[in-house]
Amino acid sequence: MSYNGGYQRDQRDSYRSRNGGSGGYSNGYSNSNGYSGSGGGSGGYGGGYGGGGYGGGYGGRGGGGGGGGDRMSNLGAGLKKQEWDLDSLPKFEKSFYKEHPDVANRSQRDVDDFRKKFEMSVQGRNIPRPVETFDEAGFPQYVLSEVKAQGFERPTAIQSQGWPMALSGRDVVGIAETGSGKTLSYCLPAIVHINAQPLLAPGDGPIVLVLAPTRELAVQIQTEITKFGKSSRIRNTCVYGGVPKGPQIRDLSRGVEVCIATPGRLIDMLEAGRTNLRRVTYLVLDEADRMLDMGFEPQIRKIISQIRPDRQTCMWSATWPKEVRQLASDFLNDYIQVNIGSMDLSANHRITQIVEVVSDFEKRDKMIKHLEKIMENRGNKCLIFTGTKRIADEITRFLRQDGWPALSIHGDKQQQERDWVLNEFKTGKSPIMVATDVASRGIGMMKLRFTPSPSPFPLPSLKAPSPVLRLCDHGTVLNSLPTFVGVYDSSRLCRVS
């Protein structure tokens, strides 16, 4: 077999001898060597507050005791029920939106045409008009300068309508496909919200709480918050499982304005008295449908019960099933809603997906042929998706033995190794990554030039993996996406279709 382009046989042999694992595939990773991934730090902002008790006059007292434990069914059992007296709670500001003159001067027909162009539908009363430029959104200059420094030309559809809605202080539901820019739809209004609140006092919990379904997504959200909040010196931390609690506890005790968390680890912190949610006035549920699919609804309800009821709540989701509708009905007050496109899962027309029906014996040869073509350009990167963790390791071992610079990522890897693999992929040190669904929430905001090549072994789903959907909205060049389907899988696909 001949190898073309950037990865000649001698180069791949060199890679293999340098990084090859032995005895149980381990990505060639060690705790003392080469780790540079993004962990769960505080976003680079030092604290200024001593720990202290978690007292304060922010409504009901609670949060303390509890036996903790790692039993999902008992998570939150130690949280005390909060009794809220709204009259005794400190008042806070949450309405910041002032309509730009250009927006006010547009005719209703122009507004309707804009919404129709972007398949935008809205529900609720007194919904603000969409904005078409960053200047029209009315963000303070310190926010605008950060946005423009990132090179964005104009808001995405969900941002055009979502920013005025979130800045108005109303409870918001936003439904849009993965990769549509939902993260900035709530991050930038959150920064404005924080800067309008009193400074944190020792023992205070966060002002903004963002709940996310997975560790990878939580870390990516933290990256965006850090990037756009640095000019305001907004401190944040990322609270998720699979890593030591010490650094997270230290961040919380010093005081952070933003806490991005997965439900399980946050409840652990609350039960242990490491933080409280009495200062939270801006709550975000990101990828709410995904959190419910993963069985987090009981934990979400317990967490929300610890937050003052007059908060602002923003719920963002890719779909709008009845479970998400019920959650919105229970916890959002007089909410306004924006939908971009269909509220059901649908094909993304920016992706060309090719399905090749092959025998199981042909899959790996087909994959190698695609890799040879893709890696002719050394700037390209390739994602290979599999249906199981075992197959992900098998494919990665096969590729590395053949000299390809491949690493794998899945749920059985330690969090530190997963961060390391993502960083190796992001920086191009390992331009081939084999992944299960665990990577689907941690790749999308890297803004890299990818050439994804999903290769299910076996077929994991009947739609393009969500990282592919995310990449479409970050200026990524997507080539055709070959999906290799075995004969058995093809019969399943036909039955489903």
Protein backbone atom coordinates (compact mmCIF):
# COMPACT_ATOMS: atom_id res chain seq x y z
CA MET A 1 0.00 0.00 0.00
CA SER A 2 1.31 3.43 -0.91
CA TYR A 3 0.83 6.51 1.20
CA ASN A 4 0.41 9.89 -0.46
CA GLY A 5 0.69 13.48 0.66
CA GLY A 6 1.67 14.80 4.03
CA TYR A 7 2.01 11.51 5.94
CA GLN A 8 4.57 9.34 4.18
CA ARG A 9 5.44 5.90 5.52
CA ASP A 10 8.63 7.07 7.26
CA GLN A 11 6.84 9.96 8.96
CA ARG A 12 4.08 7.69 10.23
CA ASP A 13 6.61 5.12 11.44
CA SER A 14 8.32 7.90 13.37
CA TYR A 15 5.03 8.87 14.95
CA ARG A 16 4.31 5.26 15.89
CA SER A 17 7.65 4.76 17.62
CA ARG A 18 7.25 8.02 19.51
CA ASN A 19 3.69 7.59 20.74
CA GLY A 20 2.68 3.97 20.44
CA GLY A 21 0.96 2.52 23.49
CA SER A 22 1.49 -0.95 24.84
CA GLY A 23 -0.61 -3.48 26.66
CA GLY A 24 -4.08 -1.99 26.64
CA TYR A 25 -4.43 1.07 24.47
CA SER A 26 -3.82 4.33 26.37
CA ASN A 27 -3.37 7.09 23.75
CA GLY A 28 0.30 7.31 24.80
CA TYR A 29 -0.82 9.66 27.56
CA SER A 30 0.75 10.07 31.00
CA ASN A 31 -0.03 12.46 33.81
CA SER A 32 3.51 13.76 33.86
CA ASN A 33 4.01 14.20 30.12
CA GLY A 34 2.54 16.53 27.59
CA TYR A 35 -0.70 17.52 29.23
CA SER A 36 -1.84 20.92 28.11
CA GLY A 37 -5.57 20.56 27.82
CA SER A 38 -8.05 22.90 29.38
CA GLY A 39 -9.08 21.70 32.77
CA GLY A 40 -11.66 23.01 35.13
CA GLY A 41 -9.87 26.07 36.38
CA SER A 42 -11.30 29.44 37.16
CA GLY A 43 -10.76 30.93 33.73
CA GLY A 44 -7.60 32.67 34.80
CA TYR A 45 -9.05 35.15 37.22
CA GLY A 46 -7.71 35.40 40.70
CA GLY A 47 -10.01 35.67 43.63
CA GLY A 48 -10.06 38.26 46.34
CA TYR A 49 -12.37 36.77 48.89
CA GLY A 50 -11.63 34.56 51.80
CA GLY A 51 -13.71 31.47 52.28
CA GLY A 52 -15.83 31.96 55.32
CA GLY A 53 -19.25 30.67 56.12
CA TYR A 54 -22.04 30.81 53.60
CA GLY A 55 -24.30 33.13 55.46
CA GLY A 56 -25.87 36.24 54.04
CA GLY A 57 -29.28 37.75 53.79
CA TYR A 58 -30.41 36.31 50.48
CA GLY A 59 -33.65 34.62 51.36
CA GLY A 60 -34.06 31.23 52.92
CA ARG A 61 -31.30 29.43 54.64
CA GLY A 62 -30.35 26.00 53.35
CA GLY A 63 -27.95 24.03 51.30
CA GLY A 64 -25.84 22.67 54.12
CA GLY A 65 -25.76 19.10 55.32
CA GLY A 66 -26.33 15.93 53.44
CA GLY A 67 -24.45 12.75 53.05
CA GLY A 68 -23.48 13.34 49.43
CA GLY A 69 -22.41 10.10 47.90
CA ASP A 70 -22.32 9.18 44.25
CA ARG A 71 -25.74 7.54 44.04
CA MET A 72 -27.58 9.32 41.24
CA SER A 73 -30.96 8.47 42.70
CA ASN A 74 -30.07 10.15 46.01
CA LEU A 75 -28.35 13.22 44.60
CA GLY A 76 -29.80 16.26 46.29
CA ALA A 77 -31.44 14.35 49.12
CA GLY A 78 -29.46 16.44 51.61
CA LEU A 79 -30.57 19.79 50.21
CA LYS A 80 -32.96 21.65 52.47
CA LYS A 81 -36.10 23.07 50.95
CA GLN A 82 -35.86 26.82 50.56
CA GLU A 83 -38.66 29.08 51.74
CA TRP A 84 -38.55 32.29 49.73
CA ASP A 85 -39.89 35.61 50.97
CA LEU A 86 -39.68 37.86 47.92
CA ASP A 87 -40.28 40.98 50.00
CA SER A 88 -37.13 40.34 52.03
CA LEU A 89 -34.89 39.52 49.06
CA PRO A 90 -32.57 42.25 47.76
CA LYS A 91 -33.86 43.82 44.56
CA PHE A 92 -31.86 43.37 41.38
CA GLU A 93 -31.84 44.79 37.88
CA LYS A 94 -32.48 42.51 34.90
CA SER A 95 -33.96 44.70 32.15
CA PHE A 96 -31.24 46.36 30.05
CA TYR A 97 -32.57 46.47 26.51
CA LYS A 98 -33.11 49.79 24.78
CA GLU A 99 -34.31 49.51 21.19
CA HIS A 100 -31.90 51.01 18.67
CA PRO A 101 -33.42 53.77 16.47
CA ASP A 102 -32.70 51.76 13.31
CA VAL A 103 -34.65 48.83 14.74
CA ALA A 104 -37.53 51.04 15.84
CA ASN A 105 -37.76 52.68 12.39
CA ARG A 106 -38.14 49.41 10.49
CA SER A 107 -41.60 48.64 9.23
CA GLN A 108 -43.42 45.57 10.49
CA ARG A 109 -43.16 44.16 6.98
CA ASP A 110 -39.36 44.46 7.11
CA VAL A 111 -39.33 42.65 10.44
CA ASP A 112 -41.59 39.90 9.10
CA ASP A 113 -39.43 39.50 5.98
CA PHE A 114 -36.29 39.22 8.12
CA ARG A 115 -37.85 36.54 10.30
CA LYS A 116 -39.14 34.67 7.25
CA LYS A 117 -35.70 34.77 5.62
CA PHE A 118 -34.13 33.01 8.60
CA GLU A 119 -37.09 30.68 9.29
CA MET A 120 -37.66 32.45 12.58
CA SER A 121 -40.90 32.15 14.51
CA VAL A 122 -41.70 33.76 17.86
CA GLN A 123 -44.30 33.19 20.55
CA GLY A 124 -45.33 35.25 23.55
CA ARG A 125 -46.37 38.80 24.29
CA ASN A 126 -44.43 42.02 23.70
CA ILE A 127 -41.55 40.32 21.93
CA PRO A 128 -38.76 42.74 20.96
CA ARG A 129 -37.82 43.03 17.31
CA PRO A 130 -34.72 41.24 16.00
CA VAL A 131 -31.47 43.13 15.49
CA GLU A 132 -29.42 42.84 12.31
CA THR A 133 -26.03 44.12 13.50
CA PHE A 134 -24.00 44.00 16.69
CA ASP A 135 -24.36 47.74 17.20
CA GLU A 136 -28.17 47.44 17.14
CA ALA A 137 -28.10 44.97 20.03
CA GLY A 138 -27.24 47.78 22.41
CA PHE A 139 -24.37 46.06 24.18
CA PRO A 140 -21.98 48.27 26.15
CA GLN A 141 -18.75 49.17 24.40
CA TYR A 142 -16.68 46.75 26.49
CA VAL A 143 -18.80 43.88 25.13
CA LEU A 144 -18.89 45.16 21.55
CA SER A 145 -15.11 45.54 21.41
CA GLU A 146 -14.63 41.91 22.44
CA VAL A 147 -17.17 40.70 19.86
CA LYS A 148 -15.60 42.66 17.02
CA ALA A 149 -12.12 41.56 18.06
CA GLN A 150 -13.19 37.98 17.36
CA GLY A 151 -13.90 38.87 13.73
CA PHE A 152 -17.63 38.12 13.70
CA GLU A 153 -19.38 39.93 10.84
CA ARG A 154 -23.00 39.83 11.98
CA PRO A 155 -25.21 38.00 14.47
CA THR A 156 -26.55 34.55 13.68
CA ALA A 157 -30.32 34.13 13.45
CA ILE A 158 -30.72 32.95 17.05
CA GLN A 159 -28.54 35.82 18.28
CA SER A 160 -30.48 38.42 16.27
CA GLN A 161 -33.68 37.57 18.12
CA GLY A 162 -32.25 36.04 21.29
CA TRP A 163 -30.17 39.04 22.40
CA PRO A 164 -33.06 41.53 22.61
CA MET A 165 -35.15 38.90 24.37
CA ALA A 166 -32.49 38.04 26.96
CA LEU A 167 -31.47 41.67 27.54
CA SER A 168 -35.10 42.58 28.20
CA GLY A 169 -35.00 40.58 31.43
CA ARG A 170 -37.76 38.20 30.35
CA ASP A 171 -37.65 34.44 30.69
CA VAL A 172 -36.59 33.06 27.31
CA VAL A 173 -36.84 29.78 25.41
CA GLY A 174 -34.60 29.47 22.34
CA ILE A 175 -34.92 26.53 19.97
CA ALA A 176 -32.26 26.20 17.27
CA GLU A 177 -30.10 23.48 15.80
CA THR A 178 -26.75 22.58 17.30
CA GLY A 179 -24.06 24.97 16.14
CA SER A 180 -26.33 27.96 15.57
CA GLY A 181 -24.60 30.27 18.05
CA LYS A 182 -26.79 29.70 21.10
CA THR A 183 -23.86 30.01 23.51
CA LEU A 184 -23.21 33.68 22.74
CA SER A 185 -26.98 34.26 22.81
CA TYR A 186 -26.88 33.91 26.58
CA CYS A 187 -23.20 34.63 27.40
CA LEU A 188 -23.17 38.27 26.33
CA PRO A 189 -26.44 39.21 28.11
CA ALA A 190 -25.06 37.39 31.18
CA ILE A 191 -22.01 39.67 31.21
CA VAL A 192 -24.24 42.75 31.04
CA HIS A 193 -26.41 41.30 33.83
CA ILE A 194 -23.42 40.68 36.12
CA ASN A 195 -22.01 44.17 35.71
CA ALA A 196 -25.31 45.67 36.85
CA GLN A 197 -25.38 43.73 40.14
CA PRO A 198 -23.73 44.53 43.49
CA LEU A 199 -20.23 43.11 43.94
CA LEU A 200 -19.90 39.71 45.54
CA ALA A 201 -19.33 39.65 49.28
CA PRO A 202 -17.36 36.91 51.09
CA GLY A 203 -19.49 33.76 51.22
CA ASP A 204 -21.62 34.70 48.24
CA GLY A 205 -22.34 32.18 45.53
CA PRO A 206 -22.40 32.98 41.81
CA ILE A 207 -24.68 35.49 40.08
CA VAL A 208 -24.95 33.49 36.86
CA LEU A 209 -25.43 29.72 36.80
CA VAL A 210 -25.14 27.76 33.54
CA LEU A 211 -26.18 24.10 33.63
CA ALA A 212 -24.81 21.88 30.86
CA PRO A 213 -25.23 18.15 30.18
CA THR A 214 -21.57 17.15 29.75
CA ARG A 215 -18.13 18.07 31.02
CA GLU A 216 -16.88 18.82 27.50
CA LEU A 217 -19.65 21.31 26.78
CA ALA A 218 -19.17 22.93 30.19
CA VAL A 219 -15.47 23.53 29.48
CA GLN A 220 -16.26 25.00 26.06
CA ILE A 221 -18.83 27.36 27.59
CA GLN A 222 -16.23 28.43 30.14
CA THR A 223 -13.85 29.27 27.30
CA GLU A 224 -16.42 31.61 25.76
CA ILE A 225 -17.29 33.24 29.10
CA THR A 226 -13.59 33.79 29.82
CA LYS A 227 -12.97 35.28 26.39
CA PHE A 228 -15.79 37.82 26.50
CA GLY A 229 -15.70 38.55 30.22
CA LYS A 230 -12.01 39.31 30.61
CA SER A 231 -12.36 43.07 30.03
CA SER A 232 -14.88 43.21 32.90
CA ARG A 233 -12.71 41.02 35.15
CA ILE A 234 -15.57 38.59 35.54
CA ARG A 235 -14.43 35.45 37.34
CA ASN A 236 -15.77 32.02 36.52
CA THR A 237 -15.30 28.39 37.36
CA CYS A 238 -16.31 25.12 35.77
CA VAL A 239 -17.76 22.49 38.10
CA TYR A 240 -17.94 18.96 36.73
CA GLY A 241 -17.14 15.40 37.75
CA GLY A 242 -14.24 13.18 36.83
CA VAL A 243 -11.58 15.55 38.18
CA PRO A 244 -10.44 16.45 41.72
CA LYS A 245 -12.80 18.74 43.62
CA GLY A 246 -10.04 20.78 45.26
CA PRO A 247 -9.50 23.44 42.56
CA GLN A 248 -13.25 23.81 42.05
CA ILE A 249 -13.84 24.25 45.79
CA ARG A 250 -11.05 26.83 45.94
CA ASP A 251 -12.59 28.84 43.09
CA LEU A 252 -16.03 28.76 44.70
CA SER A 253 -14.70 29.82 48.10
CA ARG A 254 -12.86 32.80 46.59
CA GLY A 255 -16.01 33.90 44.81
CA VAL A 256 -16.98 33.68 41.15
CA GLU A 257 -19.61 35.60 39.24
CA VAL A 258 -20.26 32.71 36.84
CA CYS A 259 -20.50 29.01 37.59
CA ILE A 260 -20.77 26.58 34.67
CA ALA A 261 -21.71 23.16 35.98
CA THR A 262 -22.98 19.71 35.29
CA PRO A 263 -25.90 18.84 37.60
CA GLY A 264 -24.30 15.99 39.55
CA ARG A 265 -21.11 17.73 40.66
CA LEU A 266 -22.98 20.96 41.47
CA ILE A 267 -25.32 19.09 43.80
CA ASP A 268 -22.28 17.53 45.49
CA MET A 269 -20.93 21.03 46.13
CA LEU A 270 -24.25 22.29 47.43
CA GLU A 271 -24.73 19.35 49.78
CA ALA A 272 -21.21 19.80 51.13
CA GLY A 273 -21.85 23.50 51.77
CA ARG A 274 -19.09 24.54 49.37
CA THR A 275 -21.31 27.10 47.67
CA ASN A 276 -24.89 28.33 47.56
CA LEU A 277 -27.22 29.66 44.91
CA ARG A 278 -28.81 32.52 46.85
CA ARG A 279 -27.16 35.17 44.66
CA VAL A 280 -28.17 33.53 41.36
CA THR A 281 -30.39 35.90 39.39
CA TYR A 282 -29.58 34.65 35.87
CA LEU A 283 -30.06 30.93 35.21
CA VAL A 284 -29.24 29.18 31.93
CA LEU A 285 -30.24 25.64 30.97
CA ASP A 286 -28.09 24.85 27.93
CA GLU A 287 -29.08 21.92 25.73
CA ALA A 288 -32.07 21.22 27.95
CA ASP A 289 -33.27 18.39 25.72
CA ARG A 290 -29.93 16.66 26.05
CA MET A 291 -29.94 16.98 29.86
CA LEU A 292 -33.39 15.40 30.04
CA ASP A 293 -32.33 12.62 27.66
CA MET A 294 -29.47 11.86 30.05
CA GLY A 295 -31.84 11.57 33.01
CA PHE A 296 -30.91 14.80 34.79
CA GLU A 297 -34.45 16.09 35.27
CA PRO A 298 -34.66 15.26 39.03
CA GLN A 299 -31.30 16.95 39.64
CA ILE A 300 -32.30 20.01 37.60
CA ARG A 301 -35.47 20.39 39.63
CA LYS A 302 -33.55 20.13 42.91
CA ILE A 303 -31.03 22.74 41.78
CA ILE A 304 -33.69 25.19 40.63
CA SER A 305 -35.46 24.84 43.98
CA GLN A 306 -32.37 26.44 45.56
CA ILE A 307 -32.62 29.59 43.38
CA ARG A 308 -34.81 32.61 44.08
CA PRO A 309 -38.05 32.40 42.04
CA ASP A 310 -37.85 35.92 40.59
CA ARG A 311 -34.63 35.10 38.72
CA GLN A 312 -34.32 35.39 34.95
CA THR A 313 -34.26 31.96 33.31
CA CYS A 314 -33.06 31.20 29.78
CA MET A 315 -33.60 27.73 28.33
CA TRP A 316 -31.82 26.74 25.13
CA SER A 317 -32.47 23.54 23.24
CA ALA A 318 -32.10 21.93 19.81
CA THR A 319 -35.56 20.33 19.99
CA TRP A 320 -38.86 21.01 21.75
CA PRO A 321 -40.25 17.68 23.00
CA LYS A 322 -43.02 17.51 25.58
CA GLU A 323 -40.55 16.91 28.43
CA VAL A 324 -38.74 20.17 27.69
CA ARG A 325 -42.08 21.98 27.30
CA GLN A 326 -43.13 20.72 30.72
CA LEU A 327 -39.87 21.88 32.30
CA ALA A 328 -40.35 25.32 30.77
CA SER A 329 -43.93 25.46 31.99
CA ASP A 330 -42.86 24.57 35.54
CA PHE A 331 -39.93 26.96 35.94
CA LEU A 332 -40.28 29.85 33.47
CA ASN A 333 -42.66 32.75 34.05
CA ASP A 334 -44.53 34.37 31.15
CA TYR A 335 -41.70 33.34 28.83
CA ILE A 336 -41.10 34.42 25.27
CA GLN A 337 -39.88 31.94 22.70
CA VAL A 338 -37.93 31.98 19.44
CA ASN A 339 -37.63 29.01 17.10
CA ILE A 340 -35.12 28.89 14.26
CA GLY A 341 -36.19 26.39 11.62
CA SER A 342 -38.05 23.25 12.63
CA MET A 343 -38.45 22.28 16.27
CA ASP A 344 -37.89 18.63 15.32
CA LEU A 345 -34.63 17.02 14.32
CA SER A 346 -34.08 17.49 10.59
CA ALA A 347 -31.37 17.20 7.99
CA ASN A 348 -28.79 19.97 7.89
CA HIS A 349 -28.56 21.04 4.25
CA ARG A 350 -25.05 22.45 4.70
CA ILE A 351 -23.72 18.91 5.04
CA THR A 352 -23.18 16.52 2.17
CA GLN A 353 -23.35 13.05 3.67
CA ILE A 354 -22.47 10.00 1.59
CA VAL A 355 -23.52 6.53 2.74
CA GLU A 356 -21.50 3.61 1.41
CA VAL A 357 -22.87 0.10 1.99
CA VAL A 358 -19.89 -2.23 2.35
CA SER A 359 -19.09 -5.53 4.00
CA ASP A 360 -17.50 -5.50 7.44
CA PHE A 361 -14.22 -6.64 5.87
CA GLU A 362 -14.12 -3.63 3.55
CA LYS A 363 -14.70 -0.89 6.11
CA ARG A 364 -11.12 -0.37 7.22
CA ASP A 365 -9.67 -0.40 3.70
CA LYS A 366 -12.25 2.19 2.67
CA MET A 367 -11.38 4.30 5.69
CA ILE A 368 -7.66 4.20 4.87
CA LYS A 369 -8.33 5.33 1.30
CA HIS A 370 -10.32 8.30 2.57
CA LEU A 371 -7.61 9.15 5.10
CA GLU A 372 -4.92 9.12 2.43
CA LYS A 373 -6.92 11.61 0.39
CA ILE A 374 -7.85 13.82 3.33
CA MET A 375 -4.37 13.95 4.83
CA GLU A 376 -2.73 15.01 1.55
CA ASN A 377 -3.21 18.47 3.02
CA ARG A 378 -1.36 18.56 6.33
CA GLY A 379 -3.63 21.31 7.59
CA ASN A 380 -6.67 19.02 7.52
CA LYS A 381 -8.11 17.22 10.51
CA CYS A 382 -10.33 14.18 10.51
CA LEU A 383 -12.98 13.02 12.98
CA ILE A 384 -13.95 9.36 12.92
CA PHE A 385 -17.11 8.52 14.84
CA THR A 386 -17.94 5.07 16.16
CA GLY A 387 -20.87 3.51 17.91
CA THR A 388 -19.02 1.97 20.86
CA LYS A 389 -16.02 2.67 23.07
CA ARG A 390 -14.48 -0.71 22.29
CA ILE A 391 -14.58 -0.09 18.55
CA ALA A 392 -13.12 3.40 19.04
CA ASP A 393 -10.07 1.91 20.74
CA GLU A 394 -9.77 -0.86 18.15
CA ILE A 395 -9.80 1.58 15.23
CA THR A 396 -7.32 3.88 16.95
CA ARG A 397 -4.96 0.98 17.66
CA PHE A 398 -5.26 -0.15 14.03
CA LEU A 399 -4.47 3.34 12.73
CA ARG A 400 -1.53 3.90 15.08
CA GLN A 401 -0.03 0.52 14.23
CA ASP A 402 -0.21 1.59 10.60
CA GLY A 403 1.54 4.84 11.46
CA TRP A 404 -1.36 7.29 11.42
CA PRO A 405 -1.35 10.05 14.11
CA ALA A 406 -4.63 9.07 15.76
CA LEU A 407 -5.98 9.39 19.30
CA SER A 408 -9.30 8.29 20.76
CA ILE A 409 -11.78 9.87 23.14
CA HIS A 410 -14.75 8.29 24.90
CA GLY A 411 -16.47 8.01 28.25
CA ASP A 412 -14.08 5.46 29.76
CA LYS A 413 -11.13 7.86 29.49
CA GLN A 414 -10.22 9.93 32.53
CA GLN A 415 -11.23 13.56 32.23
CA GLN A 416 -7.62 14.71 32.20
CA GLU A 417 -6.83 12.43 29.28
CA ARG A 418 -9.95 13.55 27.40
CA ASP A 419 -8.89 17.18 27.80
CA TRP A 420 -5.40 16.27 26.61
CA VAL A 421 -6.72 14.46 23.52
CA LEU A 422 -8.97 17.38 22.60
CA ASN A 423 -6.04 19.75 22.96
CA GLU A 424 -3.77 17.54 20.83
CA PHE A 425 -6.47 17.50 18.15
CA LYS A 426 -7.11 21.23 18.40
CA THR A 427 -3.44 22.13 18.04
CA GLY A 428 -2.91 19.70 15.18
CA LYS A 429 -0.40 17.52 17.01
CA SER A 430 -2.76 14.61 16.42
CA PRO A 431 -4.95 15.51 13.42
CA ILE A 432 -7.02 12.31 13.54
CA MET A 433 -9.42 11.71 16.42
CA VAL A 434 -11.64 8.67 16.86
CA ALA A 435 -14.62 9.48 19.04
CA THR A 436 -17.88 8.27 20.45
CA ASP A 437 -20.73 10.61 21.33
CA VAL A 438 -18.78 11.93 24.35
CA ALA A 439 -16.90 14.27 22.00
CA SER A 440 -20.06 15.61 20.41
CA ARG A 441 -20.40 18.39 22.99
CA GLY A 442 -16.75 19.35 23.30
CA ILE A 443 -15.56 19.97 19.78
CA GLY A 444 -17.92 22.42 18.22
CA MET A 445 -16.53 25.75 19.41
CA MET A 446 -12.89 25.17 18.46
CA LYS A 447 -13.28 27.11 15.19
CA LEU A 448 -10.87 24.84 13.35
CA ARG A 449 -10.68 23.90 9.71
CA PHE A 450 -11.96 20.33 9.81
CA THR A 451 -12.58 17.72 7.21
CA PRO A 452 -14.78 15.35 9.22
CA SER A 453 -15.06 11.77 8.03
CA PRO A 454 -17.57 9.93 10.22
CA SER A 455 -17.04 6.18 9.98
CA PRO A 456 -19.50 4.32 12.19
CA PHE A 457 -18.23 0.90 13.32
CA PRO A 458 -21.08 0.01 13.88
CA LEU A 459 -23.68 2.61 12.90
CA PRO A 460 -24.18 4.93 15.92
CA SER A 461 -27.06 7.00 14.58
CA LEU A 462 -28.97 7.90 11.46
CA LYS A 463 -27.98 11.57 11.39
CA ALA A 464 -24.77 13.51 11.09
CA PRO A 465 -22.99 13.66 14.47
CA SER A 466 -23.63 16.90 16.31
CA PRO A 467 -19.99 18.10 16.14
CA VAL A 468 -20.44 18.18 12.38
CA LEU A 469 -23.52 20.33 12.84
CA ARG A 470 -21.62 22.67 15.16
CA LEU A 471 -18.73 23.06 12.75
CA CYS A 472 -21.02 24.35 10.01
CA ASP A 473 -21.44 27.62 11.89
CA HIS A 474 -17.79 28.33 12.55
CA GLY A 475 -16.50 29.00 9.03
CA THR A 476 -15.46 25.38 8.68
CA VAL A 477 -14.88 23.83 5.28
CA LEU A 478 -16.79 20.54 5.17
CA ASN A 479 -16.00 18.01 2.48
CA SER A 480 -18.28 15.06 1.81
CA LEU A 481 -18.84 12.87 4.84
CA PRO A 482 -18.58 9.18 4.00
CA THR A 483 -20.47 6.89 6.34
CA PHE A 484 -19.63 3.21 6.01
CA VAL A 485 -22.65 1.03 6.71
CA GLY A 486 -22.48 -2.73 6.95
CA VAL A 487 -25.09 -4.97 5.37
CA TYR A 488 -26.86 -5.55 8.70
CA ASP A 489 -26.85 -1.84 9.50
CA SER A 490 -28.22 -0.99 6.05
CA SER A 491 -31.25 -3.18 6.69
CA ARG A 492 -31.81 -1.36 10.01
CA LEU A 493 -31.53 1.98 8.23
CA CYS A 494 -34.11 0.92 5.64
CA ARG A 495 -36.53 -0.19 8.37
CA VAL A 496 -36.19 3.14 10.19
CA SER A 497 -36.60 5.20 7.03
